[in-house]
């Protein structure tokens, strides 16, 4: 089966994770996909397949006879999608021989436009897959799952020599909890790769340092007719807090290694208000500086409006894995060589986000990230090509062959 065919089967299963729920998995619907994958893996001949109570799926393809001493290589993808644009049935749409121009997405009123997504011109002639424009597509990260299982099928059916191949599919990556119950010992790999990136050939091992920052603002509500020098409007204080952050350091105004403050949501009235941010920076010292800026804002707001007006809670999420991967650069060198052998230009790019591999790297499993062939994740304009998925399978196949050729020390 081709990777895109698997992906179309997975995409229609809605698996949004829920940031408001601290349980793992955060949404029971993720088990719907996990059970399907468990069954499919067993049918493919993958061994030691298991699905645990936290919705992690594991399996292994034992080494070919004579290759038992080769490095144990792992591949990981996540089953959940973002919660946004995922509140009703997902309808994948296949556009054959795409003309490279702007594309109307069903009857949604949305257009996948070349003006907003200039790379579309480079996809001319490919088979493009989108949603109907009313939901996410789910290529992040069901494309990665499909590519890993297509690799597994080819390894088994074509009897390609390989070392031990370890496979895992995780829940709750989108809410930062993917590695929280990941059993590295059970997984069994020496090294891993997540397939959770963008365009085919993408290789990523530098990610953001990340935290959440939540302000709670306590106001003082009195009748507006008699509120002179007494009322503290919590909603206005929330606006003041945001105004104290550098206006150009938002996702819209930054790129590459530049960090940002991102206001995710705000709620409030005169009595109470809240602001919910995510904060990101590749440089750990700049990251700490950003957190200190938020702490300073809390301080000056309370000095101005009274103690207890603003309460800041900072929750660290993940760190930049580059300091770990620096000791295992063969993972990057071999990924580059695998791209080149597959006819794909390797693209070493920083991750403007995170993956399960960020946390797993610090837990003892060095785990950079590879592209899946997709674009415009986390919204209704998400898209991927059949050809990009096929090339990704070729790349990870070449990776397997390279590590199979590594003689034991």
Protein backbone atom coordinates (compact mmCIF):
# COMPACT_ATOMS: atom_id res chain seq x y z
CA UNK A 1 0.00 0.00 0.00
CA UNK A 2 1.22 3.51 -0.79
CA UNK A 3 1.79 5.95 2.05
CA UNK A 4 -0.93 8.34 0.89
CA UNK A 5 -3.51 5.54 0.86
CA UNK A 6 -2.77 4.81 4.50
CA UNK A 7 -2.89 8.49 5.28
CA UNK A 8 -6.36 8.88 3.75
CA UNK A 9 -7.57 6.06 6.02
CA UNK A 10 -6.14 7.74 9.12
CA UNK A 11 -7.10 11.33 8.29
CA UNK A 12 -10.85 10.74 8.65
CA UNK A 13 -10.42 9.58 12.26
CA UNK A 14 -10.66 12.72 14.37
CA UNK A 15 -8.03 12.78 17.13
CA UNK A 16 -7.82 16.32 18.57
CA UNK A 17 -5.95 16.50 21.86
CA UNK A 18 -7.33 18.67 24.65
CA UNK A 19 -5.02 21.14 26.38
CA UNK A 20 -7.55 21.66 29.17
CA UNK A 21 -7.29 18.01 30.26
CA UNK A 22 -4.12 16.93 32.10
CA UNK A 23 -4.82 13.22 31.65
CA UNK A 24 -2.84 11.18 29.09
CA UNK A 25 -4.36 10.74 26.64
CA UNK A 26 -6.15 14.04 26.92
CA UNK A 27 -8.93 12.81 24.61
CA UNK A 28 -10.37 9.30 24.36
CA UNK A 29 -10.81 9.63 20.59
CA UNK A 30 -7.07 9.06 20.15
CA UNK A 31 -7.67 5.42 21.07
CA UNK A 32 -9.78 5.06 17.89
CA UNK A 33 -6.69 5.55 15.75
CA UNK A 34 -4.42 3.68 18.17
CA UNK A 35 -6.54 0.53 17.97
CA UNK A 36 -6.59 0.67 14.18
CA UNK A 37 -2.80 1.02 14.12
CA UNK A 38 -2.34 -1.81 16.60
CA UNK A 39 -4.36 -4.11 14.33
CA UNK A 40 -2.60 -2.98 11.16
CA UNK A 41 0.85 -3.42 12.66
CA UNK A 42 0.08 -6.98 13.68
CA UNK A 43 -1.26 -7.75 10.19
CA UNK A 44 1.93 -6.39 8.63
CA UNK A 45 4.01 -8.81 10.68
CA UNK A 46 5.50 -6.27 13.10
CA UNK A 47 6.33 -8.02 16.36
CA UNK A 48 5.72 -7.24 20.04
CA UNK A 49 2.90 -4.85 19.12
CA UNK A 50 1.23 -3.32 22.16
CA UNK A 51 -1.18 -0.54 23.04
CA UNK A 52 -0.93 0.66 26.63
CA UNK A 53 -3.39 2.40 28.93
CA UNK A 54 -1.98 5.83 28.05
CA UNK A 55 -2.53 5.31 24.29
CA UNK A 56 1.08 4.62 23.25
CA UNK A 57 1.51 2.07 20.47
CA UNK A 58 4.79 0.16 20.25
CA UNK A 59 6.18 -2.47 17.89
CA UNK A 60 9.46 -3.85 16.62
CA UNK A 61 10.82 -5.39 13.44
CA UNK A 62 13.64 -7.71 14.57
CA UNK A 63 16.99 -7.44 12.87
CA UNK A 64 17.71 -9.52 9.81
CA UNK A 65 19.85 -12.55 10.68
CA UNK A 66 23.46 -11.41 10.84
CA UNK A 67 22.49 -7.77 11.50
CA UNK A 68 21.64 -8.09 15.19
CA UNK A 69 24.65 -5.98 16.23
CA UNK A 70 23.73 -2.98 14.08
CA UNK A 71 22.40 0.14 15.82
CA UNK A 72 18.75 -0.14 16.84
CA UNK A 73 16.91 2.58 14.93
CA UNK A 74 13.59 4.06 16.02
CA UNK A 75 10.85 5.93 14.16
CA UNK A 76 8.17 7.92 16.00
CA UNK A 77 5.07 9.87 14.95
CA UNK A 78 2.11 11.24 16.89
CA UNK A 79 -1.57 10.39 16.55
CA UNK A 80 -3.23 13.56 17.83
CA UNK A 81 -4.04 16.71 15.91
CA UNK A 82 -4.60 20.24 17.16
CA UNK A 83 -8.01 20.98 18.65
CA UNK A 84 -8.65 23.96 16.37
CA UNK A 85 -10.61 23.32 13.16
CA UNK A 86 -11.34 19.74 14.23
CA UNK A 87 -14.90 19.82 15.54
CA UNK A 88 -16.60 17.83 12.77
CA UNK A 89 -15.90 15.19 10.12
CA UNK A 90 -12.67 15.55 8.17
CA UNK A 91 -13.03 15.17 4.40
CA UNK A 92 -9.71 14.73 2.55
CA UNK A 93 -9.80 15.90 -1.06
CA UNK A 94 -7.35 14.55 -3.65
CA UNK A 95 -6.42 16.92 -6.49
CA UNK A 96 -4.62 15.02 -9.25
CA UNK A 97 -2.22 16.81 -11.59
CA UNK A 98 -2.44 20.01 -9.55
CA UNK A 99 -1.85 23.06 -11.76
CA UNK A 100 0.20 25.08 -9.25
CA UNK A 101 -2.36 27.83 -8.92
CA UNK A 102 -4.79 29.02 -6.27
CA UNK A 103 -7.27 26.36 -5.25
CA UNK A 104 -10.82 26.74 -3.92
CA UNK A 105 -11.34 24.47 -0.91
CA UNK A 106 -14.77 22.94 -1.37
CA UNK A 107 -17.65 25.19 -0.38
CA UNK A 108 -15.82 26.56 2.68
CA UNK A 109 -15.26 30.00 1.16
CA UNK A 110 -11.52 29.55 1.69
CA UNK A 111 -8.90 29.56 -1.05
CA UNK A 112 -5.47 27.97 -0.87
CA UNK A 113 -3.79 30.90 -2.57
CA UNK A 114 -0.39 31.27 -4.19
CA UNK A 115 -0.17 34.75 -2.67
CA UNK A 116 -0.28 33.31 0.85
CA UNK A 117 1.60 30.10 0.04
CA UNK A 118 4.14 30.85 -2.75
CA UNK A 119 5.59 27.32 -2.61
CA UNK A 120 2.42 26.03 -4.29
CA UNK A 121 3.89 26.88 -7.68
CA UNK A 122 6.63 24.31 -7.06
CA UNK A 123 4.03 21.58 -6.52
CA UNK A 124 2.66 21.86 -10.05
CA UNK A 125 2.05 18.46 -11.60
CA UNK A 126 1.89 16.64 -8.28
CA UNK A 127 -1.14 15.07 -6.63
CA UNK A 128 -2.18 17.45 -3.87
CA UNK A 129 -4.24 16.43 -0.83
CA UNK A 130 -6.21 19.03 1.15
CA UNK A 131 -9.23 19.05 3.44
CA UNK A 132 -12.50 20.55 2.24
CA UNK A 133 -11.41 23.81 3.88
CA UNK A 134 -13.52 23.48 7.03
CA UNK A 135 -11.12 21.38 9.12
CA UNK A 136 -7.46 20.55 9.52
CA UNK A 137 -6.27 17.77 7.24
CA UNK A 138 -4.30 15.91 9.89
CA UNK A 139 -1.10 15.45 7.91
CA UNK A 140 0.47 16.67 11.16
CA UNK A 141 1.17 13.95 12.01
CA UNK A 142 -0.81 11.13 10.42
CA UNK A 143 1.40 11.48 7.36
CA UNK A 144 4.35 10.49 9.54
CA UNK A 145 2.47 7.43 10.77
CA UNK A 146 1.60 6.40 7.21
CA UNK A 147 5.20 6.78 6.07
CA UNK A 148 6.59 4.72 8.94
CA UNK A 149 4.17 1.85 8.36
CA UNK A 150 4.81 1.96 4.61
CA UNK A 151 8.52 1.62 5.39
CA UNK A 152 7.74 -1.32 7.67
CA UNK A 153 5.68 -3.05 4.99
CA UNK A 154 8.47 -2.69 2.43
CA UNK A 155 11.16 -3.92 4.81
CA UNK A 156 9.16 -7.02 5.64
CA UNK A 157 7.79 -7.87 2.20
CA UNK A 158 10.94 -7.07 0.22
CA UNK A 159 13.20 -8.73 2.82
CA UNK A 160 15.58 -5.74 2.87
CA UNK A 161 18.44 -6.36 5.33
CA UNK A 162 18.26 -4.14 8.40
CA UNK A 163 19.12 -3.84 12.06
CA UNK A 164 16.40 -3.75 14.70
CA UNK A 165 13.68 -1.23 13.78
CA UNK A 166 11.64 0.19 16.66
CA UNK A 167 8.30 1.90 16.04
CA UNK A 168 6.15 4.04 18.34
CA UNK A 169 3.08 6.22 17.92
CA UNK A 170 2.34 8.72 20.67
CA UNK A 171 -0.67 10.69 21.92
CA UNK A 172 -0.84 14.34 22.94
CA UNK A 173 2.19 15.74 21.12
CA UNK A 174 0.24 18.87 20.24
CA UNK A 175 -0.28 19.70 23.92
CA UNK A 176 3.35 18.94 24.83
CA UNK A 177 2.61 15.69 26.69
CA UNK A 178 3.69 13.15 24.07
CA UNK A 179 6.82 11.97 25.92
CA UNK A 180 5.27 12.09 29.41
CA UNK A 181 4.57 8.33 29.55
CA UNK A 182 6.87 7.21 26.73
CA UNK A 183 8.70 4.03 27.76
CA UNK A 184 12.19 4.42 26.27
CA UNK A 185 13.32 1.05 27.60
CA UNK A 186 10.33 -0.71 26.05
CA UNK A 187 10.85 1.18 22.79
CA UNK A 188 14.35 -0.25 22.66
CA UNK A 189 16.07 2.04 20.16
CA UNK A 190 19.60 3.40 20.42
CA UNK A 191 18.64 6.43 18.34
CA UNK A 192 15.37 7.75 16.99
CA UNK A 193 13.82 10.04 14.43
CA UNK A 194 10.45 11.71 14.70
CA UNK A 195 8.64 12.13 11.39
CA UNK A 196 6.81 15.33 12.25
CA UNK A 197 8.22 18.03 9.99
CA UNK A 198 7.31 19.84 6.80
CA UNK A 199 8.64 19.51 3.28
CA UNK A 200 10.41 16.27 2.32
CA UNK A 201 14.14 16.52 2.96
CA UNK A 202 13.72 18.71 6.03
CA UNK A 203 16.13 17.77 8.84
CA UNK A 204 15.72 19.49 12.19
CA UNK A 205 17.66 19.25 15.42
CA UNK A 206 17.46 22.82 16.74
CA UNK A 207 14.13 23.65 18.32
CA UNK A 208 12.71 26.34 20.53
CA UNK A 209 13.03 26.44 24.26
CA UNK A 210 9.41 26.70 25.26
CA UNK A 211 7.12 27.67 28.11
CA UNK A 212 3.56 28.74 28.80
CA UNK A 213 2.94 32.04 30.60
CA UNK A 214 -0.43 32.75 32.22
CA UNK A 215 -1.48 36.03 33.79
CA UNK A 216 -4.45 36.22 36.12
CA UNK A 217 -5.64 39.77 36.76
CA UNK A 218 -7.82 40.68 39.72
CA UNK A 219 -9.81 43.87 39.28
CA UNK A 220 -11.89 46.01 41.61
CA UNK A 221 -15.41 46.54 40.35
CA UNK A 222 -17.53 49.40 41.62
CA UNK A 223 -20.37 51.36 40.07
CA UNK A 224 -18.91 53.35 37.15
CA UNK A 225 -20.70 56.45 38.39
CA UNK A 226 -18.74 56.45 41.62
CA UNK A 227 -15.52 54.77 40.65
CA UNK A 228 -13.15 57.74 40.60
CA UNK A 229 -9.71 56.56 41.83
CA UNK A 230 -11.20 53.27 43.02
CA UNK A 231 -12.11 51.05 40.06
CA UNK A 232 -9.45 48.71 38.70
CA UNK A 233 -10.70 47.38 35.38
CA UNK A 234 -9.11 43.94 35.00
CA UNK A 235 -9.73 43.86 31.25
CA UNK A 236 -7.90 47.17 30.81
CA UNK A 237 -5.01 45.98 32.98
CA UNK A 238 -4.76 42.89 30.76
CA UNK A 239 -4.50 45.18 27.73
CA UNK A 240 -1.82 47.19 29.53
CA UNK A 241 0.20 44.02 30.24
CA UNK A 242 0.18 43.07 26.59
CA UNK A 243 1.15 46.59 25.55
CA UNK A 244 4.31 46.30 27.65
CA UNK A 245 5.62 43.44 25.49
CA UNK A 246 7.65 44.27 22.34
CA UNK A 247 5.06 44.53 19.59
CA UNK A 248 7.26 43.16 16.80
CA UNK A 249 8.25 39.99 18.69
CA UNK A 250 5.20 37.94 17.75
CA UNK A 251 4.99 34.94 15.40
CA UNK A 252 3.97 37.21 12.53
CA UNK A 253 7.04 39.38 12.94
CA UNK A 254 9.71 36.72 13.47
CA UNK A 255 11.44 33.95 11.53
CA UNK A 256 14.40 31.57 11.62
CA UNK A 257 16.05 31.63 15.03
CA UNK A 258 14.08 34.66 16.28
CA UNK A 259 11.93 34.07 19.34
CA UNK A 260 8.53 35.48 20.24
CA UNK A 261 5.71 36.03 22.71
CA UNK A 262 2.45 34.62 21.36
CA UNK A 263 -0.87 35.63 22.92
CA UNK A 264 -2.99 32.50 22.54
CA UNK A 265 -6.15 33.71 24.23
CA UNK A 266 -7.57 36.37 26.52
CA UNK A 267 -10.70 36.54 28.62
CA UNK A 268 -12.09 38.99 31.07
CA UNK A 269 -14.29 41.74 32.37
CA UNK A 270 -13.98 44.47 34.98
CA UNK A 271 -13.63 42.03 37.86
CA UNK A 272 -11.26 39.40 36.46
CA UNK A 273 -9.20 38.78 33.33
CA UNK A 274 -6.64 36.34 32.03
CA UNK A 275 -3.96 36.24 29.35
CA UNK A 276 -2.49 33.01 28.02
CA UNK A 277 0.84 33.14 26.17
CA UNK A 278 3.37 30.74 24.78
CA UNK A 279 6.97 31.98 24.80
CA UNK A 280 9.67 30.65 22.48
CA UNK A 281 13.38 31.20 21.78
CA UNK A 282 16.18 29.01 20.39
CA UNK A 283 18.84 30.66 22.56
CA UNK A 284 18.52 29.54 26.20
CA UNK A 285 19.83 32.86 27.53
CA UNK A 286 17.39 34.87 25.43
CA UNK A 287 14.66 32.48 26.57
CA UNK A 288 15.43 33.20 30.22
CA UNK A 289 15.49 36.91 29.40
CA UNK A 290 11.98 36.64 27.94
CA UNK A 291 10.71 34.98 31.10
CA UNK A 292 12.37 37.70 33.19
CA UNK A 293 10.63 40.35 31.08
CA UNK A 294 7.29 38.79 31.97
CA UNK A 295 8.23 38.67 35.65
CA UNK A 296 9.22 42.35 35.51
CA UNK A 297 5.87 43.24 33.95
CA UNK A 298 4.10 41.41 36.79
CA UNK A 299 6.17 43.43 39.28
CA UNK A 300 5.48 46.86 37.80
CA UNK A 301 1.76 46.14 37.35
CA UNK A 302 1.46 45.22 41.02
CA UNK A 303 3.46 48.29 42.02
CA UNK A 304 1.11 50.47 39.98
CA UNK A 305 -2.26 48.87 40.74
CA UNK A 306 -1.67 47.14 44.05
CA UNK A 307 -0.26 43.89 45.33
CA UNK A 308 -2.05 40.84 43.93
CA UNK A 309 -3.49 42.61 40.89
CA UNK A 310 -1.46 40.43 38.52
CA UNK A 311 -0.34 36.87 39.13
CA UNK A 312 2.02 35.24 36.63
CA UNK A 313 2.51 31.49 36.27
CA UNK A 314 5.30 30.23 33.99
CA UNK A 315 5.31 26.55 33.02
CA UNK A 316 8.35 25.20 31.18
CA UNK A 317 7.50 22.84 28.31
CA UNK A 318 10.63 21.70 26.47
CA UNK A 319 14.25 22.60 25.71
CA UNK A 320 16.39 22.96 22.60
CA UNK A 321 17.63 19.46 21.77
CA UNK A 322 20.65 20.77 19.84
CA UNK A 323 22.89 20.44 22.88
CA UNK A 324 22.07 16.71 23.01
CA UNK A 325 22.24 16.04 19.27
CA UNK A 326 25.64 17.75 19.14
CA UNK A 327 27.05 14.52 20.56
CA UNK A 328 25.34 12.39 17.90
CA UNK A 329 25.84 14.29 14.67
CA UNK A 330 25.92 11.03 12.72
CA UNK A 331 22.11 11.24 12.95
CA UNK A 332 22.21 14.44 10.92
CA UNK A 333 25.00 13.37 8.57
CA UNK A 334 23.23 10.11 7.75
CA UNK A 335 19.92 11.89 7.23
CA UNK A 336 21.60 14.27 4.77
CA UNK A 337 23.16 11.35 2.91
CA UNK A 338 19.80 9.54 2.82
CA UNK A 339 18.16 12.60 1.25
CA UNK A 340 20.86 12.88 -1.39
CA UNK A 341 20.60 9.17 -2.27
CA UNK A 342 16.85 9.68 -2.69
CA UNK A 343 17.31 12.63 -5.05
CA UNK A 344 16.11 15.16 -2.46
CA UNK A 345 18.00 18.27 -1.40
CA UNK A 346 18.55 18.11 2.38
CA UNK A 347 17.26 21.17 4.24
CA UNK A 348 18.79 21.76 7.66
CA UNK A 349 16.30 24.11 9.30
CA UNK A 350 15.56 25.18 12.88
CA UNK A 351 12.21 24.02 14.22
CA UNK A 352 9.97 26.95 14.99
CA UNK A 353 8.13 24.75 17.43
CA UNK A 354 8.83 21.44 19.10
CA UNK A 355 8.42 17.70 18.65
CA UNK A 356 8.28 14.66 20.90
CA UNK A 357 11.96 14.23 20.08
CA UNK A 358 12.87 17.43 21.93
CA UNK A 359 11.91 15.93 25.28
CA UNK A 360 12.95 12.39 24.39
CA UNK A 361 16.46 13.61 23.56
CA UNK A 362 16.82 14.90 27.11
CA UNK A 363 15.44 11.62 28.45
CA UNK A 364 18.19 9.58 26.81
CA UNK A 365 16.94 8.95 23.26
CA UNK A 366 18.68 11.29 20.77
CA UNK A 367 15.87 12.06 18.35
CA UNK A 368 16.02 14.70 15.58
CA UNK A 369 13.06 15.40 13.31
CA UNK A 370 12.43 14.71 9.62
CA UNK A 371 9.97 16.25 7.15
CA UNK A 372 6.87 14.36 6.04
CA UNK A 373 6.12 16.33 2.86
CA UNK A 374 3.39 18.51 4.35
CA UNK A 375 2.70 22.24 4.58
CA UNK A 376 0.59 24.82 6.47
CA UNK A 377 -0.12 22.69 9.52
CA UNK A 378 -2.61 23.58 12.29
CA UNK A 379 -5.26 25.14 10.09
CA UNK A 380 -7.74 24.58 7.25
CA UNK A 381 -5.07 25.30 4.59
CA UNK A 382 -2.99 22.26 5.53
CA UNK A 383 -1.87 20.23 2.52
CA UNK A 384 0.52 17.49 1.43
CA UNK A 385 1.46 15.75 -1.81
CA UNK A 386 1.50 12.07 -2.71
CA UNK A 387 4.95 12.50 -4.23
CA UNK A 388 6.33 14.18 -1.11
CA UNK A 389 5.16 11.28 1.01
CA UNK A 390 6.71 8.76 -1.38
CA UNK A 391 10.03 10.59 -1.26
CA UNK A 392 9.93 10.64 2.54
CA UNK A 393 9.49 6.85 2.56
CA UNK A 394 12.49 6.60 0.23
CA UNK A 395 14.55 8.77 2.59
CA UNK A 396 13.84 6.75 5.72
CA UNK A 397 14.46 3.55 3.73
CA UNK A 398 17.92 4.88 2.86
CA UNK A 399 18.45 5.70 6.54
CA UNK A 400 17.67 2.11 7.48
CA UNK A 401 20.13 0.86 4.86
CA UNK A 402 22.85 3.20 6.10
CA UNK A 403 22.55 2.06 9.69
CA UNK A 404 22.40 -1.55 8.51
CA UNK A 405 25.77 -0.98 6.89
CA UNK A 406 27.33 0.26 10.12
CA UNK A 407 29.62 -2.45 11.46
CA UNK A 408 29.61 -2.96 15.22
CA UNK A 409 32.49 -1.33 17.06
